[in-house]
């Protein structure tokens, strides 16, 4: 009877060991599945972020090009106005500004009240 009980204990221990190995294998497979899913999710998120960044960069470039185009247009328009302005008017305007900039050349007529 003791041999029979000892045999059952050994048999039960073997069954427990087999089930433990099976559970370890299941856990390893589950862990690998979860790791693969997490990597796929991270990869998908990274792709989404790259696309979003690329789209935003394109929008920023487009806006910058539009602003540059507007600045160039305004500059060309101003240059056209200046080209049409006579030399005498430009000299007078430059002289007036130089008098305000240069020391001792300022007109005080605006400060003096009659």
N, C-alpha and C. Protein backbone atom coordinates (compact mmCIF):
# COMPACT_ATOMS: atom_id res chain seq x y z
N UNK A 1 0.81 -1.18 0.00
CA UNK A 1 0.00 0.00 0.00
C UNK A 1 0.86 1.26 0.00
N UNK A 2 1.95 1.22 0.75
CA UNK A 2 2.84 2.38 0.76
C UNK A 2 3.44 2.61 -0.62
N UNK A 3 3.75 1.52 -1.32
CA UNK A 3 4.28 1.66 -2.67
C UNK A 3 3.24 2.27 -3.59
N UNK A 4 2.00 1.86 -3.39
CA UNK A 4 0.91 2.39 -4.21
C UNK A 4 0.73 3.88 -3.96
N UNK A 5 0.79 4.28 -2.68
CA UNK A 5 0.65 5.70 -2.33
C UNK A 5 1.86 6.47 -2.86
N UNK A 6 3.04 5.93 -2.71
CA UNK A 6 4.25 6.59 -3.19
C UNK A 6 4.21 6.74 -4.71
N UNK A 7 3.72 5.71 -5.39
CA UNK A 7 3.60 5.76 -6.84
C UNK A 7 2.63 6.85 -7.27
N UNK A 8 1.51 6.97 -6.55
CA UNK A 8 0.52 8.02 -6.86
C UNK A 8 1.10 9.40 -6.61
N UNK A 9 1.88 9.55 -5.55
CA UNK A 9 2.51 10.85 -5.26
C UNK A 9 3.48 11.22 -6.37
N UNK A 10 4.29 10.25 -6.79
CA UNK A 10 5.26 10.51 -7.86
C UNK A 10 4.52 10.84 -9.15
N UNK A 11 3.46 10.06 -9.44
CA UNK A 11 2.67 10.31 -10.64
C UNK A 11 2.03 11.69 -10.59
N UNK A 12 1.52 12.09 -9.45
CA UNK A 12 0.90 13.41 -9.29
C UNK A 12 1.94 14.52 -9.45
N UNK A 13 3.12 14.30 -8.89
CA UNK A 13 4.20 15.28 -9.05
C UNK A 13 4.57 15.44 -10.52
N UNK A 14 4.61 14.33 -11.28
CA UNK A 14 4.93 14.40 -12.70
C UNK A 14 3.84 15.19 -13.45
N UNK A 15 2.58 14.92 -13.09
CA UNK A 15 1.47 15.64 -13.73
C UNK A 15 1.57 17.14 -13.43
N UNK A 16 1.87 17.45 -12.17
CA UNK A 16 2.02 18.86 -11.78
C UNK A 16 3.17 19.49 -12.56
N UNK A 17 4.29 18.76 -12.70
CA UNK A 17 5.44 19.27 -13.43
C UNK A 17 5.09 19.51 -14.91
N UNK A 18 4.34 18.57 -15.52
CA UNK A 18 3.91 18.71 -16.91
C UNK A 18 2.99 19.92 -17.08
N UNK A 19 2.04 20.06 -16.15
CA UNK A 19 1.12 21.20 -16.22
C UNK A 19 1.88 22.50 -16.02
N UNK A 20 2.85 22.49 -15.14
CA UNK A 20 3.66 23.69 -14.91
C UNK A 20 4.42 24.05 -16.18
N UNK A 21 4.99 23.08 -16.87
CA UNK A 21 5.71 23.33 -18.13
C UNK A 21 4.74 23.85 -19.19
N UNK A 22 3.54 23.28 -19.23
CA UNK A 22 2.54 23.74 -20.19
C UNK A 22 2.15 25.19 -19.91
N UNK A 23 1.97 25.52 -18.65
CA UNK A 23 1.61 26.89 -18.28
C UNK A 23 2.74 27.86 -18.58
N UNK A 24 3.98 27.42 -18.36
CA UNK A 24 5.13 28.26 -18.72
C UNK A 24 5.15 28.53 -20.22
N UNK A 25 4.89 27.49 -21.01
CA UNK A 25 4.85 27.64 -22.46
C UNK A 25 3.72 28.57 -22.88
N UNK A 26 2.54 28.41 -22.28
CA UNK A 26 1.40 29.30 -22.57
C UNK A 26 1.75 30.75 -22.22
N UNK A 27 2.38 30.94 -21.07
CA UNK A 27 2.74 32.29 -20.63
C UNK A 27 3.76 32.90 -21.59
N UNK A 28 4.73 32.11 -22.03
CA UNK A 28 5.74 32.61 -22.97
C UNK A 28 5.09 32.98 -24.30
N UNK A 29 4.16 32.15 -24.78
CA UNK A 29 3.45 32.44 -26.03
C UNK A 29 2.58 33.69 -25.89
N UNK A 30 1.90 33.80 -24.75
CA UNK A 30 1.06 34.97 -24.50
C UNK A 30 1.91 36.23 -24.45
N UNK A 31 3.05 36.14 -23.77
CA UNK A 31 3.95 37.28 -23.67
C UNK A 31 4.48 37.68 -25.05
N UNK A 32 4.81 36.70 -25.88
CA UNK A 32 5.29 36.99 -27.23
C UNK A 32 4.18 37.66 -28.05
N UNK A 33 2.96 37.18 -27.90
CA UNK A 33 1.81 37.76 -28.62
C UNK A 33 1.61 39.22 -28.20
N UNK A 34 1.65 39.48 -26.90
CA UNK A 34 1.46 40.84 -26.38
C UNK A 34 2.60 41.74 -26.85
N UNK A 35 3.84 41.22 -26.86
CA UNK A 35 4.98 42.01 -27.33
C UNK A 35 4.81 42.38 -28.80
N UNK A 36 4.39 41.42 -29.61
CA UNK A 36 4.20 41.68 -31.04
C UNK A 36 3.09 42.71 -31.26
N UNK A 37 2.01 42.59 -30.50
CA UNK A 37 0.91 43.57 -30.62
C UNK A 37 1.38 44.96 -30.22
N UNK A 38 2.16 45.04 -29.16
CA UNK A 38 2.67 46.34 -28.70
C UNK A 38 3.61 46.94 -29.74
N UNK A 39 4.46 46.11 -30.34
CA UNK A 39 5.37 46.61 -31.38
C UNK A 39 4.58 47.11 -32.58
N UNK A 40 3.54 46.39 -32.97
CA UNK A 40 2.71 46.83 -34.09
C UNK A 40 2.01 48.14 -33.78
N UNK A 41 1.52 48.27 -32.56
CA UNK A 41 0.85 49.51 -32.16
C UNK A 41 1.82 50.68 -32.17
N UNK A 42 3.01 50.46 -31.62
CA UNK A 42 4.03 51.52 -31.60
C UNK A 42 4.43 51.89 -33.03
N UNK A 43 4.60 50.89 -33.86
CA UNK A 43 4.97 51.14 -35.25
C UNK A 43 3.88 51.93 -35.97
N UNK A 44 2.62 51.56 -35.73
CA UNK A 44 1.50 52.29 -36.33
C UNK A 44 1.44 53.72 -35.85
N UNK A 45 1.64 53.91 -34.57
CA UNK A 45 1.63 55.26 -34.01
C UNK A 45 2.78 56.09 -34.58
N UNK A 46 3.94 55.47 -34.72
CA UNK A 46 5.09 56.16 -35.29
C UNK A 46 4.80 56.58 -36.73
N UNK A 47 4.20 55.68 -37.50
CA UNK A 47 3.85 56.01 -38.88
C UNK A 47 2.86 57.17 -38.94
N UNK A 48 1.85 57.12 -38.04
CA UNK A 48 0.87 58.21 -37.99
C UNK A 48 1.53 59.54 -37.66
N UNK A 49 2.46 59.52 -36.70
CA UNK A 49 3.15 60.74 -36.31
C UNK A 49 4.02 61.27 -37.44
N UNK A 50 4.70 60.37 -38.15
CA UNK A 50 5.53 60.80 -39.29
C UNK A 50 4.66 61.44 -40.36
N UNK A 51 3.51 60.84 -40.65
CA UNK A 51 2.62 61.39 -41.67
C UNK A 51 2.09 62.75 -41.22
N UNK A 52 1.68 62.83 -39.96
CA UNK A 52 1.16 64.09 -39.42
C UNK A 52 2.24 65.17 -39.47
N UNK A 53 3.45 64.83 -39.08
CA UNK A 53 4.56 65.78 -39.12
C UNK A 53 4.81 66.23 -40.55
N UNK A 54 4.81 65.28 -41.48
CA UNK A 54 5.02 65.63 -42.89
C UNK A 54 3.94 66.55 -43.41
N UNK A 55 2.68 66.26 -43.04
CA UNK A 55 1.57 67.12 -43.48
C UNK A 55 1.70 68.52 -42.91
N UNK A 56 2.04 68.61 -41.62
CA UNK A 56 2.19 69.92 -40.99
C UNK A 56 3.37 70.69 -41.59
N UNK A 57 4.44 69.98 -41.88
CA UNK A 57 5.60 70.62 -42.49
C UNK A 57 5.24 71.18 -43.86
N UNK A 58 4.49 70.42 -44.64
CA UNK A 58 4.05 70.89 -45.95
C UNK A 58 3.18 72.14 -45.81
N UNK A 59 2.29 72.15 -44.82
CA UNK A 59 1.42 73.30 -44.60
C UNK A 59 2.24 74.53 -44.20
N UNK A 60 3.23 74.34 -43.34
CA UNK A 60 4.09 75.43 -42.92
C UNK A 60 4.88 75.98 -44.12
N UNK A 61 5.41 75.09 -44.94
CA UNK A 61 6.15 75.53 -46.13
C UNK A 61 5.23 76.30 -47.07
N UNK A 62 4.02 75.81 -47.24
CA UNK A 62 3.05 76.47 -48.13
C UNK A 62 2.76 77.88 -47.62
N UNK A 63 2.51 78.00 -46.31
CA UNK A 63 2.23 79.33 -45.72
C UNK A 63 3.44 80.25 -45.85
N UNK A 64 4.64 79.72 -45.62
CA UNK A 64 5.85 80.54 -45.74
C UNK A 64 6.05 81.02 -47.17
N UNK A 65 5.78 80.14 -48.14
CA UNK A 65 5.91 80.54 -49.54
C UNK A 65 4.90 81.62 -49.90
N UNK A 66 3.67 81.49 -49.37
CA UNK A 66 2.65 82.51 -49.64
C UNK A 66 3.05 83.85 -49.03
N UNK A 67 3.56 83.83 -47.81
CA UNK A 67 3.99 85.07 -47.16
C UNK A 67 5.16 85.69 -47.92
N UNK A 68 6.11 84.86 -48.33
CA UNK A 68 7.25 85.37 -49.09
C UNK A 68 6.78 85.98 -50.42
N UNK A 69 5.84 85.32 -51.04
CA UNK A 69 5.30 85.83 -52.30
C UNK A 69 4.62 87.19 -52.11
N UNK A 70 3.86 87.32 -51.03
CA UNK A 70 3.20 88.59 -50.73
C UNK A 70 4.22 89.69 -50.44
N UNK A 71 5.26 89.35 -49.69
CA UNK A 71 6.31 90.34 -49.38
C UNK A 71 7.01 90.78 -50.66
N UNK A 72 7.32 89.83 -51.53
CA UNK A 72 7.96 90.18 -52.80
C UNK A 72 7.04 91.04 -53.66
N UNK A 73 5.77 90.72 -53.68
CA UNK A 73 4.81 91.50 -54.46
C UNK A 73 4.76 92.94 -53.95
N UNK A 74 4.66 93.10 -52.62
CA UNK A 74 4.63 94.44 -52.04
C UNK A 74 5.93 95.18 -52.33
N UNK A 75 7.06 94.48 -52.24
CA UNK A 75 8.35 95.10 -52.53
C UNK A 75 8.45 95.56 -53.97
N UNK A 76 7.95 94.74 -54.88
CA UNK A 76 7.98 95.12 -56.30
C UNK A 76 7.07 96.32 -56.56
N UNK A 77 5.91 96.32 -55.89
CA UNK A 77 5.00 97.45 -56.07
C UNK A 77 5.63 98.74 -55.54
N UNK A 78 6.28 98.65 -54.38
CA UNK A 78 6.94 99.82 -53.79
C UNK A 78 8.10 100.27 -54.68
N UNK A 79 8.83 99.31 -55.23
CA UNK A 79 9.95 99.65 -56.12
C UNK A 79 9.42 100.34 -57.37
N UNK A 80 8.29 99.88 -57.87
CA UNK A 80 7.70 100.52 -59.06
C UNK A 80 7.30 101.96 -58.75
N UNK A 81 6.74 102.18 -57.56
CA UNK A 81 6.37 103.55 -57.16
C UNK A 81 7.62 104.42 -57.07
N UNK A 82 8.68 103.89 -56.47
CA UNK A 82 9.92 104.66 -56.33
C UNK A 82 10.57 104.94 -57.69
N UNK A 83 10.46 104.00 -58.61
CA UNK A 83 11.02 104.22 -59.94
C UNK A 83 10.29 105.36 -60.65
N UNK A 84 9.00 105.49 -60.38
CA UNK A 84 8.22 106.54 -61.03
C UNK A 84 8.42 107.90 -60.35
N UNK A 85 8.91 107.87 -59.12
CA UNK A 85 9.13 109.11 -58.38
C UNK A 85 10.35 109.82 -58.97
N UNK A 86 10.21 111.10 -59.17
CA UNK A 86 11.31 111.88 -59.75
C UNK A 86 12.48 112.00 -58.79
N UNK A 87 13.66 112.26 -59.37
CA UNK A 87 14.88 112.40 -58.56
C UNK A 87 14.79 113.57 -57.59
N UNK A 88 14.17 114.67 -57.99
CA UNK A 88 14.07 115.83 -57.11
C UNK A 88 13.28 115.49 -55.86
N UNK A 89 12.19 114.79 -56.01
CA UNK A 89 11.37 114.42 -54.84
C UNK A 89 12.16 113.49 -53.93
N UNK A 90 12.86 112.54 -54.53
CA UNK A 90 13.65 111.61 -53.71
C UNK A 90 14.77 112.33 -52.97
N UNK A 91 15.44 113.28 -53.64
CA UNK A 91 16.51 114.04 -52.98
C UNK A 91 15.96 114.83 -51.80
N UNK A 92 14.81 115.48 -51.99
CA UNK A 92 14.21 116.25 -50.90
C UNK A 92 13.85 115.33 -49.73
N UNK A 93 13.28 114.19 -50.04
CA UNK A 93 12.90 113.25 -48.98
C UNK A 93 14.13 112.73 -48.24
N UNK A 94 15.17 112.39 -48.97
CA UNK A 94 16.39 111.90 -48.35
C UNK A 94 17.05 113.00 -47.53
N UNK A 95 17.07 114.22 -48.05
CA UNK A 95 17.67 115.34 -47.31
C UNK A 95 16.92 115.58 -46.01
N UNK A 96 15.60 115.53 -46.06
CA UNK A 96 14.80 115.75 -44.86
C UNK A 96 15.13 114.69 -43.81
N UNK A 97 15.25 113.44 -44.23
CA UNK A 97 15.56 112.36 -43.28
C UNK A 97 16.99 112.47 -42.79
N UNK A 98 17.90 112.88 -43.64
CA UNK A 98 19.28 113.03 -43.21
C UNK A 98 19.41 114.13 -42.16
N UNK A 99 18.66 115.22 -42.34
CA UNK A 99 18.71 116.31 -41.36
C UNK A 99 18.26 115.83 -39.99
N UNK A 100 17.31 114.93 -39.96
CA UNK A 100 16.83 114.41 -38.69
C UNK A 100 17.82 113.44 -38.07
N UNK A 101 18.60 112.79 -38.90
CA UNK A 101 19.54 111.79 -38.40
C UNK A 101 20.87 112.43 -38.00
N UNK A 102 21.41 113.31 -38.84
CA UNK A 102 22.72 113.89 -38.60
C UNK A 102 22.67 114.90 -37.45
N UNK A 103 23.68 114.91 -36.60
CA UNK A 103 23.72 115.88 -35.50
C UNK A 103 23.94 117.30 -36.03
N UNK A 104 23.25 118.24 -35.42
CA UNK A 104 23.42 119.65 -35.78
C UNK A 104 22.70 120.04 -37.05
N UNK A 105 22.06 119.14 -37.70
CA UNK A 105 21.40 119.44 -38.97
C UNK A 105 19.87 119.47 -38.82
N UNK A 106 19.37 119.27 -37.63
CA UNK A 106 17.94 119.14 -37.42
C UNK A 106 17.22 120.47 -37.59
N UNK A 107 16.04 120.42 -38.12
CA UNK A 107 15.17 121.59 -38.18
C UNK A 107 14.39 121.67 -36.89
N UNK A 108 14.44 122.81 -36.27
CA UNK A 108 13.71 123.00 -35.03
C UNK A 108 12.37 123.68 -35.25
N UNK A 109 11.99 123.86 -36.50
CA UNK A 109 10.78 124.66 -36.80
C UNK A 109 9.54 123.97 -36.24
N UNK A 110 9.54 122.64 -36.07
CA UNK A 110 8.37 121.97 -35.53
C UNK A 110 8.23 122.26 -34.03
N UNK A 111 9.36 122.49 -33.36
CA UNK A 111 9.32 122.73 -31.92
C UNK A 111 8.98 124.18 -31.58
N UNK A 112 9.21 125.11 -32.52
CA UNK A 112 9.00 126.52 -32.27
C UNK A 112 7.58 126.89 -32.68
N UNK A 113 6.87 127.52 -31.76
CA UNK A 113 5.50 127.95 -32.07
C UNK A 113 5.50 129.44 -32.28
N UNK A 114 4.79 129.88 -33.28
CA UNK A 114 4.74 131.29 -33.59
C UNK A 114 3.78 132.00 -32.70
